[in-house]
């Protein structure tokens, strides 16, 4: 419907321009009030759709950025889980070493130092 109406207005305008040119007159196009009103509505609609398209593109950019951040955060979480597991294992070793009050401080210090140095 929109395409057909636009094509009709275009054909009428081209006919008027061609007709004026044929007689050597400056081209004047006379449109019916309904056609002018319809063309204005269509131009306003295009502006509104352009604005919405721009907003959609901005939202797409925001979503893409947030998705990237989420992937990075997931990686960080996985690393922290691994670190947490290592610490738990270290604490279990320390617990075993100190079970019978024969605490071997030097060995515990070495275990903890090795673990902490491995993170750097």
PDB file of N, CA and C in Angstrom:
ATOM      1  N   UNK A   1       0.827  -1.197   0.000  1.00  0.00           N
ATOM      2  CA  UNK A   1       0.000   0.000   0.000  1.00  0.00           C
ATOM      3  C   UNK A   1       0.867   1.255   0.000  1.00  0.00           C
ATOM      4  N   UNK A   2       1.864   1.302   0.879  1.00  0.00           N
ATOM      5  CA  UNK A   2       2.722   2.482   0.960  1.00  0.00           C
ATOM      6  C   UNK A   2       3.507   2.633  -0.338  1.00  0.00           C
ATOM      7  N   UNK A   3       4.073   1.532  -0.810  1.00  0.00           N
ATOM      8  CA  UNK A   3       4.883   1.580  -2.019  1.00  0.00           C
ATOM      9  C   UNK A   3       4.037   2.015  -3.225  1.00  0.00           C
ATOM     10  N   UNK A   4       2.825   1.506  -3.304  1.00  0.00           N
ATOM     11  CA  UNK A   4       1.942   1.847  -4.424  1.00  0.00           C
ATOM     12  C   UNK A   4       1.549   3.327  -4.398  1.00  0.00           C
ATOM     13  N   UNK A   5       1.246   3.817  -3.201  1.00  0.00           N
ATOM     14  CA  UNK A   5       0.852   5.236  -3.093  1.00  0.00           C
ATOM     15  C   UNK A   5       2.023   6.140  -3.444  1.00  0.00           C
ATOM     16  N   UNK A   6       3.211   5.806  -2.947  1.00  0.00           N
ATOM     17  CA  UNK A   6       4.391   6.587  -3.264  1.00  0.00           C
ATOM     18  C   UNK A   6       4.665   6.560  -4.768  1.00  0.00           C
ATOM     19  N   UNK A   7       4.515   5.406  -5.384  1.00  0.00           N
ATOM     20  CA  UNK A   7       4.723   5.271  -6.829  1.00  0.00           C
ATOM     21  C   UNK A   7       3.710   6.121  -7.608  1.00  0.00           C
ATOM     22  N   UNK A   8       2.491   6.154  -7.123  1.00  0.00           N
ATOM     23  CA  UNK A   8       1.450   6.960  -7.770  1.00  0.00           C
ATOM     24  C   UNK A   8       1.781   8.453  -7.700  1.00  0.00           C
ATOM     25  N   UNK A   9       2.190   8.917  -6.514  1.00  0.00           N
ATOM     26  CA  UNK A   9       2.564  10.332  -6.352  1.00  0.00           C
ATOM     27  C   UNK A   9       3.763  10.646  -7.238  1.00  0.00           C
ATOM     28  N   UNK A  10       4.715   9.746  -7.275  1.00  0.00           N
ATOM     29  CA  UNK A  10       5.902   9.937  -8.110  1.00  0.00           C
ATOM     30  C   UNK A  10       5.515  10.038  -9.587  1.00  0.00           C
ATOM     31  N   UNK A  11       4.650   9.169 -10.049  1.00  0.00           N
ATOM     32  CA  UNK A  11       4.228   9.188 -11.455  1.00  0.00           C
ATOM     33  C   UNK A  11       3.513  10.485 -11.815  1.00  0.00           C
ATOM     34  N   UNK A  12       2.628  10.943 -10.932  1.00  0.00           N
ATOM     35  CA  UNK A  12       1.899  12.194 -11.177  1.00  0.00           C
ATOM     36  C   UNK A  12       2.888  13.360 -11.228  1.00  0.00           C
ATOM     37  N   UNK A  13       3.850  13.376 -10.277  1.00  0.00           N
ATOM     38  CA  UNK A  13       4.844  14.451 -10.238  1.00  0.00           C
ATOM     39  C   UNK A  13       5.700  14.444 -11.491  1.00  0.00           C
ATOM     40  N   UNK A  14       6.164  13.272 -11.897  1.00  0.00           N
ATOM     41  CA  UNK A  14       6.999  13.168 -13.097  1.00  0.00           C
ATOM     42  C   UNK A  14       6.223  13.599 -14.346  1.00  0.00           C
ATOM     43  N   UNK A  15       4.947  13.232 -14.389  1.00  0.00           N
ATOM     44  CA  UNK A  15       4.121  13.638 -15.529  1.00  0.00           C
ATOM     45  C   UNK A  15       4.014  15.163 -15.589  1.00  0.00           C
ATOM     46  N   UNK A  16       3.794  15.792 -14.431  1.00  0.00           N
ATOM     47  CA  UNK A  16       3.668  17.247 -14.406  1.00  0.00           C
ATOM     48  C   UNK A  16       4.990  17.910 -14.799  1.00  0.00           C
ATOM     49  N   UNK A  17       6.097  17.368 -14.310  1.00  0.00           N
ATOM     50  CA  UNK A  17       7.413  17.926 -14.655  1.00  0.00           C
ATOM     51  C   UNK A  17       7.684  17.765 -16.134  1.00  0.00           C
ATOM     52  N   UNK A  18       7.423  16.573 -16.661  1.00  0.00           N
ATOM     53  CA  UNK A  18       7.643  16.319 -18.097  1.00  0.00           C
ATOM     54  C   UNK A  18       6.748  17.214 -18.947  1.00  0.00           C
ATOM     55  N   UNK A  19       5.503  17.386 -18.521  1.00  0.00           N
ATOM     56  CA  UNK A  19       4.552  18.197 -19.269  1.00  0.00           C
ATOM     57  C   UNK A  19       4.995  19.663 -19.288  1.00  0.00           C
ATOM     58  N   UNK A  20       5.429  20.172 -18.121  1.00  0.00           N
ATOM     59  CA  UNK A  20       5.902  21.559 -18.056  1.00  0.00           C
ATOM     60  C   UNK A  20       7.160  21.731 -18.901  1.00  0.00           C
ATOM     61  N   UNK A  21       8.059  20.768 -18.823  1.00  0.00           N
ATOM     62  CA  UNK A  21       9.302  20.848 -19.588  1.00  0.00           C
ATOM     63  C   UNK A  21       9.008  20.834 -21.094  1.00  0.00           C
ATOM     64  N   UNK A  22       8.033  20.072 -21.498  1.00  0.00           N
ATOM     65  CA  UNK A  22       7.678  19.964 -22.913  1.00  0.00           C
ATOM     66  C   UNK A  22       7.257  21.319 -23.470  1.00  0.00           C
ATOM     67  N   UNK A  23       6.544  22.072 -22.648  1.00  0.00           N
ATOM     68  CA  UNK A  23       6.073  23.378 -23.103  1.00  0.00           C
ATOM     69  C   UNK A  23       7.043  24.499 -22.753  1.00  0.00           C
ATOM     70  N   UNK A  24       8.226  24.152 -22.237  1.00  0.00           N
ATOM     71  CA  UNK A  24       9.243  25.148 -21.948  1.00  0.00           C
ATOM     72  C   UNK A  24       8.973  25.973 -20.711  1.00  0.00           C
ATOM     73  N   UNK A  25       8.133  25.495 -19.867  1.00  0.00           N
ATOM     74  CA  UNK A  25       7.822  26.201 -18.623  1.00  0.00           C
ATOM     75  C   UNK A  25       8.657  25.634 -17.481  1.00  0.00           C
ATOM     76  N   UNK A  26       8.888  26.426 -16.426  1.00  0.00           N
ATOM     77  CA  UNK A  26       9.547  25.882 -15.243  1.00  0.00           C
ATOM     78  C   UNK A  26       8.674  24.769 -14.644  1.00  0.00           C
ATOM     79  N   UNK A  27       9.319  23.747 -14.163  1.00  0.00           N
ATOM     80  CA  UNK A  27       8.577  22.595 -13.630  1.00  0.00           C
ATOM     81  C   UNK A  27       7.905  22.957 -12.316  1.00  0.00           C
ATOM     82  N   UNK A  28       6.616  22.827 -12.288  1.00  0.00           N
ATOM     83  CA  UNK A  28       5.818  23.027 -11.084  1.00  0.00           C
ATOM     84  C   UNK A  28       5.022  21.756 -10.830  1.00  0.00           C
ATOM     85  N   UNK A  29       5.110  21.292  -9.611  1.00  0.00           N
ATOM     86  CA  UNK A  29       4.366  20.086  -9.258  1.00  0.00           C
ATOM     87  C   UNK A  29       3.279  20.492  -8.279  1.00  0.00           C
ATOM     88  N   UNK A  30       2.074  20.114  -8.617  1.00  0.00           N
ATOM     89  CA  UNK A  30       0.931  20.415  -7.765  1.00  0.00           C
ATOM     90  C   UNK A  30       0.453  19.092  -7.167  1.00  0.00           C
ATOM     91  N   UNK A  31       0.525  19.032  -5.847  1.00  0.00           N
ATOM     92  CA  UNK A  31       0.072  17.833  -5.160  1.00  0.00           C
ATOM     93  C   UNK A  31      -1.232  18.115  -4.448  1.00  0.00           C
ATOM     94  N   UNK A  32      -2.050  17.119  -4.343  1.00  0.00           N
ATOM     95  CA  UNK A  32      -3.305  17.218  -3.610  1.00  0.00           C
ATOM     96  C   UNK A  32      -2.970  17.232  -2.118  1.00  0.00           C
ATOM     97  N   UNK A  33      -3.767  17.946  -1.338  1.00  0.00           N
ATOM     98  CA  UNK A  33      -3.535  18.092   0.092  1.00  0.00           C
ATOM     99  C   UNK A  33      -3.351  16.764   0.814  1.00  0.00           C
ATOM    100  N   UNK A  34      -4.139  15.765   0.438  1.00  0.00           N
ATOM    101  CA  UNK A  34      -4.012  14.452   1.074  1.00  0.00           C
ATOM    102  C   UNK A  34      -2.648  13.832   0.787  1.00  0.00           C
ATOM    103  N   UNK A  35      -2.155  14.059  -0.446  1.00  0.00           N
ATOM    104  CA  UNK A  35      -0.836  13.521  -0.794  1.00  0.00           C
ATOM    105  C   UNK A  35       0.263  14.196   0.019  1.00  0.00           C
ATOM    106  N   UNK A  36       0.171  15.495   0.165  1.00  0.00           N
ATOM    107  CA  UNK A  36       1.167  16.244   0.938  1.00  0.00           C
ATOM    108  C   UNK A  36       1.141  15.785   2.399  1.00  0.00           C
ATOM    109  N   UNK A  37      -0.065  15.680   2.948  1.00  0.00           N
ATOM    110  CA  UNK A  37      -0.216  15.237   4.333  1.00  0.00           C
ATOM    111  C   UNK A  37       0.366  13.826   4.493  1.00  0.00           C
ATOM    112  N   UNK A  38       0.089  12.959   3.550  1.00  0.00           N
ATOM    113  CA  UNK A  38       0.585  11.583   3.618  1.00  0.00           C
ATOM    114  C   UNK A  38       2.118  11.562   3.532  1.00  0.00           C
ATOM    115  N   UNK A  39       2.684  12.370   2.615  1.00  0.00           N
ATOM    116  CA  UNK A  39       4.142  12.424   2.480  1.00  0.00           C
ATOM    117  C   UNK A  39       4.805  12.938   3.765  1.00  0.00           C
ATOM    118  N   UNK A  40       4.186  13.936   4.400  1.00  0.00           N
ATOM    119  CA  UNK A  40       4.710  14.454   5.668  1.00  0.00           C
ATOM    120  C   UNK A  40       4.658  13.368   6.745  1.00  0.00           C
ATOM    121  N   UNK A  41       3.554  12.643   6.804  1.00  0.00           N
ATOM    122  CA  UNK A  41       3.436  11.547   7.777  1.00  0.00           C
ATOM    123  C   UNK A  41       4.518  10.489   7.545  1.00  0.00           C
ATOM    124  N   UNK A  42       4.761  10.198   6.277  1.00  0.00           N
ATOM    125  CA  UNK A  42       5.779   9.193   5.960  1.00  0.00           C
ATOM    126  C   UNK A  42       7.177   9.680   6.350  1.00  0.00           C
ATOM    127  N   UNK A  43       7.447  10.964   6.124  1.00  0.00           N
ATOM    128  CA  UNK A  43       8.753  11.528   6.506  1.00  0.00           C
ATOM    129  C   UNK A  43       8.921  11.481   8.023  1.00  0.00           C
ATOM    130  N   UNK A  44       7.859  11.806   8.761  1.00  0.00           N
ATOM    131  CA  UNK A  44       7.914  11.743  10.220  1.00  0.00           C
ATOM    132  C   UNK A  44       8.126  10.311  10.694  1.00  0.00           C
ATOM    133  N   UNK A  45       7.470   9.394  10.009  1.00  0.00           N
ATOM    134  CA  UNK A  45       7.619   7.968  10.360  1.00  0.00           C
ATOM    135  C   UNK A  45       9.060   7.505  10.122  1.00  0.00           C
ATOM    136  N   UNK A  46       9.650   7.966   9.020  1.00  0.00           N
ATOM    137  CA  UNK A  46      11.047   7.618   8.729  1.00  0.00           C
ATOM    138  C   UNK A  46      11.961   8.148   9.839  1.00  0.00           C
ATOM    139  N   UNK A  47      11.719   9.384  10.268  1.00  0.00           N
ATOM    140  CA  UNK A  47      12.530   9.959  11.347  1.00  0.00           C
ATOM    141  C   UNK A  47      12.382   9.140  12.635  1.00  0.00           C
ATOM    142  N   UNK A  48      11.156   8.756  12.944  1.00  0.00           N
ATOM    143  CA  UNK A  48      10.906   7.960  14.150  1.00  0.00           C
ATOM    144  C   UNK A  48      11.607   6.605  14.055  1.00  0.00           C
ATOM    145  N   UNK A  49      11.520   5.976  12.895  1.00  0.00           N
ATOM    146  CA  UNK A  49      12.169   4.674  12.704  1.00  0.00           C
ATOM    147  C   UNK A  49      13.690   4.807  12.757  1.00  0.00           C
ATOM    148  N   UNK A  50      14.213   5.905  12.215  1.00  0.00           N
ATOM    149  CA  UNK A  50      15.660   6.161  12.298  1.00  0.00           C
ATOM    150  C   UNK A  50      16.102   6.276  13.756  1.00  0.00           C
ATOM    151  N   UNK A  51      15.315   6.988  14.540  1.00  0.00           N
ATOM    152  CA  UNK A  51      15.628   7.160  15.952  1.00  0.00           C
ATOM    153  C   UNK A  51      15.589   5.814  16.671  1.00  0.00           C
ATOM    154  N   UNK A  52      14.580   5.018  16.395  1.00  0.00           N
ATOM    155  CA  UNK A  52      14.470   3.701  17.017  1.00  0.00           C
ATOM    156  C   UNK A  52      15.614   2.799  16.573  1.00  0.00           C
ATOM    157  N   UNK A  53      15.987   2.891  15.312  1.00  0.00           N
ATOM    158  CA  UNK A  53      17.102   2.091  14.796  1.00  0.00           C
ATOM    159  C   UNK A  53      18.392   2.466  15.514  1.00  0.00           C
ATOM    160  N   UNK A  54      18.594   3.762  15.715  1.00  0.00           N
ATOM    161  CA  UNK A  54      19.781   4.232  16.431  1.00  0.00           C
ATOM    162  C   UNK A  54      19.781   3.697  17.867  1.00  0.00           C
ATOM    163  N   UNK A  55      18.633   3.742  18.522  1.00  0.00           N
ATOM    164  CA  UNK A  55      18.524   3.235  19.895  1.00  0.00           C
ATOM    165  C   UNK A  55      18.811   1.734  19.936  1.00  0.00           C
ATOM    166  N   UNK A  56      18.298   1.007  18.963  1.00  0.00           N
ATOM    167  CA  UNK A  56      18.529  -0.439  18.900  1.00  0.00           C
ATOM    168  C   UNK A  56      20.019  -0.725  18.729  1.00  0.00           C
ATOM    169  N   UNK A  57      20.672   0.027  17.862  1.00  0.00           N
ATOM    170  CA  UNK A  57      22.109  -0.170  17.659  1.00  0.00           C
ATOM    171  C   UNK A  57      22.904   0.123  18.930  1.00  0.00           C
ATOM    172  N   UNK A  58      22.500   1.161  19.662  1.00  0.00           N
ATOM    173  CA  UNK A  58      23.156   1.461  20.938  1.00  0.00           C
ATOM    174  C   UNK A  58      22.966   0.318  21.931  1.00  0.00           C
ATOM    175  N   UNK A  59      21.742  -0.205  21.988  1.00  0.00           N
ATOM    176  CA  UNK A  59      21.468  -1.321  22.887  1.00  0.00           C
ATOM    177  C   UNK A  59      22.266  -2.563  22.493  1.00  0.00           C
ATOM    178  N   UNK A  60      22.405  -2.795  21.196  1.00  0.00           N
ATOM    179  CA  UNK A  60      23.215  -3.933  20.732  1.00  0.00           C
ATOM    180  C   UNK A  60      24.663  -3.774  21.190  1.00  0.00           C
ATOM    181  N   UNK A  61      25.187  -2.555  21.088  1.00  0.00           N
ATOM    182  CA  UNK A  61      26.563  -2.302  21.532  1.00  0.00           C
ATOM    183  C   UNK A  61      26.709  -2.535  23.038  1.00  0.00           C
ATOM    184  N   UNK A  62      25.733  -2.079  23.795  1.00  0.00           N
ATOM    185  CA  UNK A  62      25.764  -2.264  25.248  1.00  0.00           C
ATOM    186  C   UNK A  62      25.720  -3.746  25.590  1.00  0.00           C
ATOM    187  N   UNK A  63      24.840  -4.483  24.920  1.00  0.00           N
ATOM    188  CA  UNK A  63      24.713  -5.921  25.179  1.00  0.00           C
ATOM    189  C   UNK A  63      26.008  -6.640  24.824  1.00  0.00           C
ATOM    190  N   UNK A  64      26.611  -6.277  23.698  1.00  0.00           N
ATOM    191  CA  UNK A  64      27.864  -6.918  23.284  1.00  0.00           C
ATOM    192  C   UNK A  64      28.964  -6.644  24.312  1.00  0.00           C
ATOM    193  N   UNK A  65      29.018  -5.414  24.787  1.00  0.00           N
ATOM    194  CA  UNK A  65      30.026  -5.065  25.797  1.00  0.00           C
ATOM    195  C   UNK A  65      29.797  -5.854  27.085  1.00  0.00           C
ATOM    196  N   UNK A  66      28.549  -5.926  27.514  1.00  0.00           N
ATOM    197  CA  UNK A  66      28.240  -6.645  28.757  1.00  0.00           C
ATOM    198  C   UNK A  66      28.512  -8.138  28.608  1.00  0.00           C
ATOM    199  N   UNK A  67      28.248  -8.678  27.437  1.00  0.00           N
ATOM    200  CA  UNK A  67      28.552 -10.097  27.201  1.00  0.00           C
ATOM    201  C   UNK A  67      30.051 -10.342  27.318  1.00  0.00           C
ATOM    202  N   UNK A  68      30.839  -9.421  26.772  1.00  0.00           N
ATOM    203  CA  UNK A  68      32.291  -9.540  26.860  1.00  0.00           C
ATOM    204  C   UNK A  68      32.744  -9.482  28.320  1.00  0.00           C
ATOM    205  N   UNK A  69      32.167  -8.563  29.080  1.00  0.00           N
ATOM    206  CA  UNK A  69      32.511  -8.427  30.499  1.00  0.00           C
ATOM    207  C   UNK A  69      32.130  -9.708  31.246  1.00  0.00           C
ATOM    208  N   UNK A  70      30.967 -10.270  30.916  1.00  0.00           N
ATOM    209  CA  UNK A  70      30.544 -11.502  31.581  1.00  0.00           C
ATOM    210  C   UNK A  70      31.500 -12.654  31.300  1.00  0.00           C
ATOM    211  N   UNK A  71      31.980 -12.752  30.080  1.00  0.00           N
ATOM    212  CA  UNK A  71      32.942 -13.800  29.739  1.00  0.00           C
ATOM    213  C   UNK A  71      34.216 -13.618  30.556  1.00  0.00           C
ATOM    214  N   UNK A  72      34.674 -12.379  30.651  1.00  0.00           N
ATOM    215  CA  UNK A  72      35.873 -12.099  31.455  1.00  0.00           C
ATOM    216  C   UNK A  72      35.640 -12.445  32.928  1.00  0.00           C
ATOM    217  N   UNK A  73      34.485 -12.091  33.438  1.00  0.00           N
ATOM    218  CA  UNK A  73      34.165 -12.390  34.839  1.00  0.00           C
ATOM    219  C   UNK A  73      34.077 -13.900  35.062  1.00  0.00           C
ATOM    220  N   UNK A  74      33.524 -14.635  34.095  1.00  0.00           N
ATOM    221  CA  UNK A  74      33.473 -16.091  34.206  1.00  0.00           C
ATOM    222  C   UNK A  74      34.874 -16.686  34.302  1.00  0.00           C
ATOM    223  N   UNK A  75      35.791 -16.143  33.500  1.00  0.00           N
ATOM    224  CA  UNK A  75      37.183 -16.607  33.568  1.00  0.00           C
ATOM    225  C   UNK A  75      37.768 -16.327  34.952  1.00  0.00           C
ATOM    226  N   UNK A  76      37.523 -15.133  35.456  1.00  0.00           N
ATOM    227  CA  UNK A  76      38.029 -14.778  36.785  1.00  0.00           C
ATOM    228  C   UNK A  76      37.447 -15.697  37.852  1.00  0.00           C
ATOM    229  N   UNK A  77      36.174 -16.000  37.747  1.00  0.00           N
ATOM    230  CA  UNK A  77      35.523 -16.882  38.719  1.00  0.00           C
ATOM    231  C   UNK A  77      36.151 -18.272  38.673  1.00  0.00           C
ATOM    232  N   UNK A  78      36.404 -18.770  37.483  1.00  0.00           N
ATOM    233  CA  UNK A  78      37.034 -20.085  37.356  1.00  0.00           C
ATOM    234  C   UNK A  78      38.423 -20.100  37.987  1.00  0.00           C
ATOM    235  N   UNK A  79      39.177 -19.030  37.762  1.00  0.00           N
ATOM    236  CA  UNK A  79      40.507 -18.938  38.378  1.00  0.00           C
ATOM    237  C   UNK A  79      40.400 -18.895  39.900  1.00  0.00           C
ATOM    238  N   UNK A  80      39.430 -18.164  40.406  1.00  0.00           N
ATOM    239  CA  UNK A  80      39.241 -18.089  41.853  1.00  0.00           C
ATOM    240  C   UNK A  80      38.801 -19.437  42.431  1.00  0.00           C
ATOM    241  N   UNK A  81      37.997 -20.169  41.686  1.00  0.00           N
ATOM    242  CA  UNK A  81      37.602 -21.510  42.139  1.00  0.00           C
ATOM    243  C   UNK A  81      38.818 -22.428  42.227  1.00  0.00           C
ATOM    244  N   UNK A  82      39.687 -22.345  41.216  1.00  0.00           N
ATOM    245  CA  UNK A  82      40.908 -23.155  41.235  1.00  0.00           C
ATOM    246  C   UNK A  82      41.781 -22.764  42.423  1.00  0.00           C
ATOM    247  N   UNK A  83      41.921 -21.468  42.638  1.00  0.00           N
ATOM    248  CA  UNK A  83      42.726 -20.981  43.757  1.00  0.00           C
ATOM    249  C   UNK A  83      42.116 -21.451  45.078  1.00  0.00           C
ATOM    250  N   UNK A  84      40.827 -21.363  45.203  1.00  0.00           N
ATOM    251  CA  UNK A  84      40.134 -21.792  46.412  1.00  0.00           C
ATOM    252  C   UNK A  84      40.370 -23.283  46.667  1.00  0.00           C
ATOM    253  N   UNK A  85      40.315 -24.076  45.603  1.00  0.00           N
ATOM    254  CA  UNK A  85      40.568 -25.512  45.733  1.00  0.00           C
ATOM    255  C   UNK A  85      41.994 -25.769  46.222  1.00  0.00           C
ATOM    256  N   UNK A  86      42.954 -25.051  45.654  1.00  0.00           N
ATOM    257  CA  UNK A  86      44.345 -25.211  46.092  1.00  0.00           C
ATOM    258  C   UNK A  86      44.488 -24.843  47.569  1.00  0.00           C
ATOM    259  N   UNK A  87      43.855 -23.757  47.989  1.00  0.00           N
ATOM    260  CA  UNK A  87      43.934 -23.336  49.387  1.00  0.00           C
ATOM    261  C   UNK A  87      43.301 -24.384  50.314  1.00  0.00           C
ATOM    262  N   UNK A  88      42.163 -24.923  49.885  1.00  0.00           N
ATOM    263  CA  UNK A  88      41.523 -25.960  50.691  1.00  0.00           C
ATOM    264  C   UNK A  88      42.441 -27.168  50.858  1.00  0.00           C
ATOM    265  N   UNK A  89      43.058 -27.565  49.739  1.00  0.00           N
ATOM    266  CA  UNK A  89      43.994 -28.691  49.791  1.00  0.00           C
ATOM    267  C   UNK A  89      45.173 -28.365  50.707  1.00  0.00           C
ATOM    268  N   UNK A  90      45.670 -27.153  50.624  1.00  0.00           N
ATOM    269  CA  UNK A  90      46.777 -26.727  51.489  1.00  0.00           C
ATOM    270  C   UNK A  90      46.364 -26.780  52.957  1.00  0.00           C
ATOM    271  N   UNK A  91      45.162 -26.296  53.245  1.00  0.00           N
ATOM    272  CA  UNK A  91      44.683 -26.320  54.624  1.00  0.00           C
ATOM    273  C   UNK A  91      44.509 -27.757  55.126  1.00  0.00           C
ATOM    274  N   UNK A  92      44.078 -28.635  54.252  1.00  0.00           N
ATOM    275  CA  UNK A  92      43.963 -30.048  54.633  1.00  0.00           C
ATOM    276  C   UNK A  92      45.334 -30.623  54.981  1.00  0.00           C
ATOM    277  N   UNK A  93      46.331 -30.281  54.173  1.00  0.00           N
ATOM    278  CA  UNK A  93      47.694 -30.752  54.453  1.00  0.00           C
ATOM    279  C   UNK A  93      48.174 -30.216  55.803  1.00  0.00           C
ATOM    280  N   UNK A  94      47.931 -28.936  56.061  1.00  0.00           N
ATOM    281  CA  UNK A  94      48.341 -28.326  57.332  1.00  0.00           C
ATOM    282  C   UNK A  94      47.598 -28.987  58.488  1.00  0.00           C
ATOM    283  N   UNK A  95      46.327 -29.251  58.280  1.00  0.00           N
ATOM    284  CA  UNK A  95      45.534 -29.904  59.312  1.00  0.00           C
ATOM    285  C   UNK A  95      46.126 -31.280  59.653  1.00  0.00           C
ATOM    286  N   UNK A  96      46.483 -32.038  58.629  1.00  0.00           N
ATOM    287  CA  UNK A  96      47.088 -33.354  58.851  1.00  0.00           C
ATOM    288  C   UNK A  96      48.429 -33.231  59.575  1.00  0.00           C
ATOM    289  N   UNK A  97      49.202 -32.238  59.177  1.00  0.00           N
ATOM    290  CA  UNK A  97      50.522 -32.064  59.773  1.00  0.00           C
ATOM    291  C   UNK A  97      50.439 -31.667  61.243  1.00  0.00           C
ATOM    292  N   UNK A  98      49.367 -31.006  61.632  1.00  0.00           N
ATOM    293  CA  UNK A  98      49.256 -30.503  63.005  1.00  0.00           C
ATOM    294  C   UNK A  98      48.308 -31.337  63.856  1.00  0.00           C
ATOM    295  N   UNK A  99      47.897 -32.459  63.362  1.00  0.00           N
ATOM    296  CA  UNK A  99      46.908 -33.290  64.045  1.00  0.00           C
ATOM    297  C   UNK A  99      47.373 -33.729  65.444  1.00  0.00           C
ATOM    298  N   UNK A 100      48.576 -34.148  65.599  1.00  0.00           N
ATOM    299  CA  UNK A 100      49.041 -34.738  66.857  1.00  0.00           C
ATOM    300  C   UNK A 100      49.997 -33.831  67.621  1.00  0.00           C
ATOM    301  N   UNK A 101      49.848 -32.567  67.470  1.00  0.00           N
ATOM    302  CA  UNK A 101      50.658 -31.601  68.196  1.00  0.00           C
ATOM    303  C   UNK A 101      52.152 -31.679  67.915  1.00  0.00           C
ATOM    304  N   UNK A 102      52.520 -32.417  66.916  1.00  0.00           N
ATOM    305  CA  UNK A 102      53.944 -32.418  66.561  1.00  0.00           C
ATOM    306  C   UNK A 102      54.126 -31.463  65.379  1.00  0.00           C
ATOM    307  N   UNK A 103      53.644 -30.275  65.568  1.00  0.00           N
ATOM    308  CA  UNK A 103      53.619 -29.239  64.537  1.00  0.00           C
ATOM    309  C   UNK A 103      55.011 -29.020  63.958  1.00  0.00           C
ATOM    310  N   UNK A 104      55.076 -29.169  62.664  1.00  0.00           N
ATOM    311  CA  UNK A 104      56.341 -28.953  61.959  1.00  0.00           C
ATOM    312  C   UNK A 104      56.249 -27.605  61.256  1.00  0.00           C
ATOM    313  N   UNK A 105      56.548 -26.598  61.989  1.00  0.00           N
ATOM    314  CA  UNK A 105      56.375 -25.226  61.514  1.00  0.00           C
ATOM    315  C   UNK A 105      57.156 -24.944  60.232  1.00  0.00           C
ATOM    316  N   UNK A 106      58.338 -25.467  60.135  1.00  0.00           N
ATOM    317  CA  UNK A 106      59.163 -25.218  58.948  1.00  0.00           C
ATOM    318  C   UNK A 106      58.504 -25.792  57.703  1.00  0.00           C
ATOM    319  N   UNK A 107      57.946 -26.992  57.814  1.00  0.00           N
ATOM    320  CA  UNK A 107      57.272 -27.615  56.674  1.00  0.00           C
ATOM    321  C   UNK A 107      56.009 -26.840  56.303  1.00  0.00           C
ATOM    322  N   UNK A 108      55.263 -26.419  57.298  1.00  0.00           N
ATOM    323  CA  UNK A 108      54.044 -25.633  57.042  1.00  0.00           C
ATOM    324  C   UNK A 108      54.415 -24.319  56.359  1.00  0.00           C
ATOM    325  N   UNK A 109      55.417 -23.663  56.883  1.00  0.00           N
ATOM    326  CA  UNK A 109      55.875 -22.401  56.287  1.00  0.00           C
ATOM    327  C   UNK A 109      56.269 -22.622  54.824  1.00  0.00           C
ATOM    328  N   UNK A 110      56.967 -23.719  54.569  1.00  0.00           N
ATOM    329  CA  UNK A 110      57.410 -24.014  53.200  1.00  0.00           C
ATOM    330  C   UNK A 110      56.212 -24.273  52.284  1.00  0.00           C
ATOM    331  N   UNK A 111      55.232 -25.039  52.760  1.00  0.00           N
ATOM    332  CA  UNK A 111      54.023 -25.307  51.959  1.00  0.00           C
ATOM    333  C   UNK A 111      53.302 -24.000  51.608  1.00  0.00           C
ATOM    334  N   UNK A 112      53.074 -23.188  52.617  1.00  0.00           N
ATOM    335  CA  UNK A 112      52.348 -21.931  52.400  1.00  0.00           C
ATOM    336  C   UNK A 112      53.150 -21.009  51.492  1.00  0.00           C
ATOM    337  N   UNK A 113      54.435 -20.915  51.729  1.00  0.00           N
ATOM    338  CA  UNK A 113      55.286 -20.051  50.897  1.00  0.00           C
ATOM    339  C   UNK A 113      55.265 -20.499  49.443  1.00  0.00           C
ATOM    340  N   UNK A 114      55.371 -21.801  49.222  1.00  0.00           N
ATOM    341  CA  UNK A 114      55.344 -22.325  47.846  1.00  0.00           C
ATOM    342  C   UNK A 114      54.032 -21.989  47.162  1.00  0.00           C
ATOM    343  N   UNK A 115      52.953 -22.157  47.899  1.00  0.00           N
ATOM    344  CA  UNK A 115      51.631 -21.873  47.320  1.00  0.00           C
ATOM    345  C   UNK A 115      51.483 -20.396  46.969  1.00  0.00           C
ATOM    346  N   UNK A 116      51.878 -19.546  47.872  1.00  0.00           N
ATOM    347  CA  UNK A 116      51.750 -18.105  47.625  1.00  0.00           C
ATOM    348  C   UNK A 116      52.690 -17.625  46.528  1.00  0.00           C
ATOM    349  N   UNK A 117      53.887 -18.172  46.485  1.00  0.00           N
ATOM    350  CA  UNK A 117      54.826 -17.782  45.426  1.00  0.00           C
ATOM    351  C   UNK A 117      54.352 -18.269  44.061  1.00  0.00           C
ATOM    352  N   UNK A 118      53.662 -19.395  44.031  1.00  0.00           N
ATOM    353  CA  UNK A 118      53.151 -19.934  42.771  1.00  0.00           C
ATOM    354  C   UNK A 118      52.090 -19.046  42.150  1.00  0.00           C
ATOM    355  N   UNK A 119      51.472 -18.194  42.934  1.00  0.00           N
ATOM    356  CA  UNK A 119      50.430 -17.289  42.410  1.00  0.00           C
ATOM    357  C   UNK A 119      51.001 -16.090  41.712  1.00  0.00           C
ATOM    358  N   UNK A 120      52.194 -15.696  42.069  1.00  0.00           N
ATOM    359  CA  UNK A 120      52.759 -14.450  41.535  1.00  0.00           C
ATOM    360  C   UNK A 120      53.190 -14.572  40.114  1.00  0.00           C
TER     361      UNK A 120
END
